[in-house]
Amino acid sequence: MTSHIPSGDAWYHGKMSRRDAEKLLKEDGDFLVRKSTTNPGSYVLTGMHNGLAKHLLLVDPEGTVRRRSTGRYSLIKITD
C-alpha cells in the first residue's frame, strides 16, 4: 500500500513547528495538520479550543493512527 500525503488540502501545512502552527490559528474551531519538526515521521493535529492551541499526535512514525476505542488506521483510511 502506498502512502498518500494530502499536500493539496488547505488543512495540511507540511513540516511546521508548534509555534508556527499556533500563529495560524485565530479562533476556536480553527485547525491544521502538520508534519512534526521534532518527531520525524509523525503528523500532528493542531487546533484552537477555548482560546488555547492544542496539539494531538495523529500518525506515528510507522504511518498508523491509534484510536483508543477502535484500533489502528492508516492515514489513507482517515482521509478518504
Foldseek 3Di string as FASTA:
>chain_A
DDADDPPVDPQEDEADEPVVQVVPADDAPDWHKYQYPVAHQWIWIWGADPNDIDIDTAAHNVQWGQDPPPGIDHPVVVPD
